[in-house]
Amino acid sequence: MTTAEILESGRTMRSDEQLFLIDSLHAMLDVPDLAIKAAWVAEAQDRAAAFERGELPLAGLEPMLAQYRWHAAQ
């Protein structure tokens, strides 16, 4: 079955069948990229280690909120 045939078939499906088809296609595409996940884990570990070594400055909550309020007002 070609993509065009699948799309045409989908047009005649009941809405619950369309939803099932969409959910099934999404599930096939929603596969985690292990390389990206590994990169983020390494980044988080590096940041945590830098924090523990005192290499990352701490920011207070109020200055950060003020910055976001300023951007929201723009």
C-alpha atoms as a PDB file:
ATOM      1  CA  MET A   1       0.000   0.000   0.000  1.00  0.00           C
ATOM      2  CA  THR A   2       1.409   3.413  -0.930  1.00  0.00           C
ATOM      3  CA  THR A   3       1.396   6.476   1.271  1.00  0.00           C
ATOM      4  CA  ALA A   4      -1.199   8.085  -0.975  1.00  0.00           C
ATOM      5  CA  GLU A   5      -3.423   5.008  -0.645  1.00  0.00           C
ATOM      6  CA  ILE A   6      -3.073   5.054   3.135  1.00  0.00           C
ATOM      7  CA  LEU A   7      -4.002   8.735   3.241  1.00  0.00           C
ATOM      8  CA  GLU A   8      -6.995   8.156   0.979  1.00  0.00           C
ATOM      9  CA  SER A   9      -8.084   5.220   3.136  1.00  0.00           C
ATOM     10  CA  GLY A  10      -7.732   7.419   6.217  1.00  0.00           C
ATOM     11  CA  ARG A  11     -10.190   9.930   4.766  1.00  0.00           C
ATOM     12  CA  THR A  12     -12.942   7.328   4.787  1.00  0.00           C
ATOM     13  CA  MET A  13     -12.219   5.972   8.277  1.00  0.00           C
ATOM     14  CA  ARG A  14     -14.352   6.715  11.302  1.00  0.00           C
ATOM     15  CA  SER A  15     -12.812   9.279  13.633  1.00  0.00           C
ATOM     16  CA  ASP A  16     -11.931   6.619  16.234  1.00  0.00           C
ATOM     17  CA  GLU A  17     -10.091   4.636  13.563  1.00  0.00           C
ATOM     18  CA  GLN A  18      -8.261   7.782  12.426  1.00  0.00           C
ATOM     19  CA  LEU A  19      -7.239   8.490  15.999  1.00  0.00           C
ATOM     20  CA  PHE A  20      -5.978   4.928  16.423  1.00  0.00           C
ATOM     21  CA  LEU A  21      -3.962   5.253  13.199  1.00  0.00           C
ATOM     22  CA  ILE A  22      -2.475   8.586  14.290  1.00  0.00           C
ATOM     23  CA  ASP A  23      -1.607   7.256  17.741  1.00  0.00           C
ATOM     24  CA  SER A  24       0.005   4.174  16.220  1.00  0.00           C
ATOM     25  CA  LEU A  25       2.097   6.236  13.792  1.00  0.00           C
ATOM     26  CA  HIS A  26       3.130   8.592  16.576  1.00  0.00           C
ATOM     27  CA  ALA A  27       4.185   5.666  18.776  1.00  0.00           C
ATOM     28  CA  MET A  28       6.406   4.387  15.970  1.00  0.00           C
ATOM     29  CA  LEU A  29       8.092   7.775  15.648  1.00  0.00           C
ATOM     30  CA  ASP A  30       8.337   8.519  19.364  1.00  0.00           C
ATOM     31  CA  VAL A  31      11.481   6.449  19.922  1.00  0.00           C
ATOM     32  CA  PRO A  32      14.035   8.070  22.222  1.00  0.00           C
ATOM     33  CA  ASP A  33      17.375   8.953  20.678  1.00  0.00           C
ATOM     34  CA  LEU A  34      19.829   7.255  23.014  1.00  0.00           C
ATOM     35  CA  ALA A  35      22.759   9.384  21.824  1.00  0.00           C
ATOM     36  CA  ILE A  36      20.914  12.589  22.712  1.00  0.00           C
ATOM     37  CA  LYS A  37      19.830  11.152  26.054  1.00  0.00           C
ATOM     38  CA  ALA A  38      23.411  10.125  26.849  1.00  0.00           C
ATOM     39  CA  ALA A  39      24.664  13.604  25.933  1.00  0.00           C
ATOM     40  CA  TRP A  40      22.134  15.241  28.273  1.00  0.00           C
ATOM     41  CA  VAL A  41      23.014  12.847  31.102  1.00  0.00           C
ATOM     42  CA  ALA A  42      26.704  13.692  30.669  1.00  0.00           C
ATOM     43  CA  GLU A  43      25.898  17.423  30.593  1.00  0.00           C
ATOM     44  CA  ALA A  44      23.812  17.183  33.757  1.00  0.00           C
ATOM     45  CA  GLN A  45      26.555  15.238  35.514  1.00  0.00           C
ATOM     46  CA  ASP A  46      29.160  17.798  34.423  1.00  0.00           C
ATOM     47  CA  ARG A  47      27.021  20.671  35.675  1.00  0.00           C
ATOM     48  CA  ALA A  48      26.345  18.941  38.999  1.00  0.00           C
ATOM     49  CA  ALA A  49      30.066  18.272  39.486  1.00  0.00           C
ATOM     50  CA  ALA A  50      30.926  21.894  38.632  1.00  0.00           C
ATOM     51  CA  PHE A  51      28.299  23.073  41.124  1.00  0.00           C
ATOM     52  CA  GLU A  52      29.714  20.824  43.833  1.00  0.00           C
ATOM     53  CA  ARG A  53      33.220  22.185  43.137  1.00  0.00           C
ATOM     54  CA  GLY A  54      31.868  25.728  43.534  1.00  0.00           C
ATOM     55  CA  GLU A  55      32.524  26.612  39.904  1.00  0.00           C
ATOM     56  CA  LEU A  56      28.971  27.697  39.116  1.00  0.00           C
ATOM     57  CA  PRO A  57      27.618  30.947  40.514  1.00  0.00           C
ATOM     58  CA  LEU A  58      24.369  30.793  42.417  1.00  0.00           C
ATOM     59  CA  ALA A  59      21.551  33.072  41.387  1.00  0.00           C
ATOM     60  CA  GLY A  60      18.843  34.124  43.782  1.00  0.00           C
ATOM     61  CA  LEU A  61      15.214  33.560  42.938  1.00  0.00           C
ATOM     62  CA  GLU A  62      14.164  37.209  42.993  1.00  0.00           C
ATOM     63  CA  PRO A  63      16.702  38.483  40.424  1.00  0.00           C
ATOM     64  CA  MET A  64      15.717  35.652  38.092  1.00  0.00           C
ATOM     65  CA  LEU A  65      11.999  36.371  38.510  1.00  0.00           C
ATOM     66  CA  ALA A  66      12.629  40.064  37.896  1.00  0.00           C
ATOM     67  CA  GLN A  67      14.401  39.201  34.659  1.00  0.00           C
ATOM     68  CA  TYR A  68      11.460  37.078  33.489  1.00  0.00           C
ATOM     69  CA  ARG A  69       8.948  39.754  34.496  1.00  0.00           C
ATOM     70  CA  TRP A  70      10.940  42.320  32.519  1.00  0.00           C
ATOM     71  CA  HIS A  71      10.965  40.078  29.418  1.00  0.00           C
ATOM     72  CA  ALA A  72       7.247  39.343  29.792  1.00  0.00           C
ATOM     73  CA  ALA A  73       6.476  43.054  29.916  1.00  0.00           C
ATOM     74  CA  GLN A  74       8.293  43.730  26.625  1.00  0.00           C
END
